[in-house]
Amino acid sequence: MSKTYELSHQLILEGYSDASFQSDEDDAKSQSGFVFKLNGDVIAWKSSKQDTTADSTTEAEYIAALKAAKEAVWMKNSIQELGVVPSIAEPVVIFCDNNGAIAQAKEPRSHHRSKHILRCYHLLREMVGRGDIRMDRVTSAENMADPLTKPVSQIAHAQHLGKMGLRNMSDWL
């Protein structure tokens, strides 16, 4: 008697997005950051200044989430083209710590407070509507992209590094 095992691999891609509102005092531009994990391991991260000046924290977070969503769709398509797995059927979850940005992404109607957001940023709504992306809430303390956008305490920094699987060089020696 023998037992047959079927090897099945499922790749789970998830992202964390964050922004700091008008962190550059010279030009009032915000900082965006994202971190991506594939099956629990960090595979990509980025921190960059936003191209436009956001009028609110929600707008800055929404723009950051769009940058993360574009990266997520590119990664998902690249993984699918490799043919390693049949497909990544589930939407890529982008975790964000701003309720307003999540609402903007999920609800296609215009909000009176956000009517100034440029239409080009509403691509995020389309990605959510198509099922490519799902926006979920995460607390700021759990948002791995947080240290990519603003200074955090030494303890918080160490916790985020641990979640990302990064260690100090002295730990290797």
Foldseek 3Di string as FASTA:
>chain_A
DDDDDDDADAKAKAKEKAKDFLPPPVPRWIKIKMWMDIPQATDDIDIDTDPDHDPDRLLRRLLNVLVVLVVLLVVQVVVCVVVPHVHNPAAHEYEYADPSSLCLLADVDDDPVPPPRDPVSNVSNVCVVVRNYHYDYDHLLPRLGNVSGDDDDPVSVVVSCVSNVHDDPVVVD
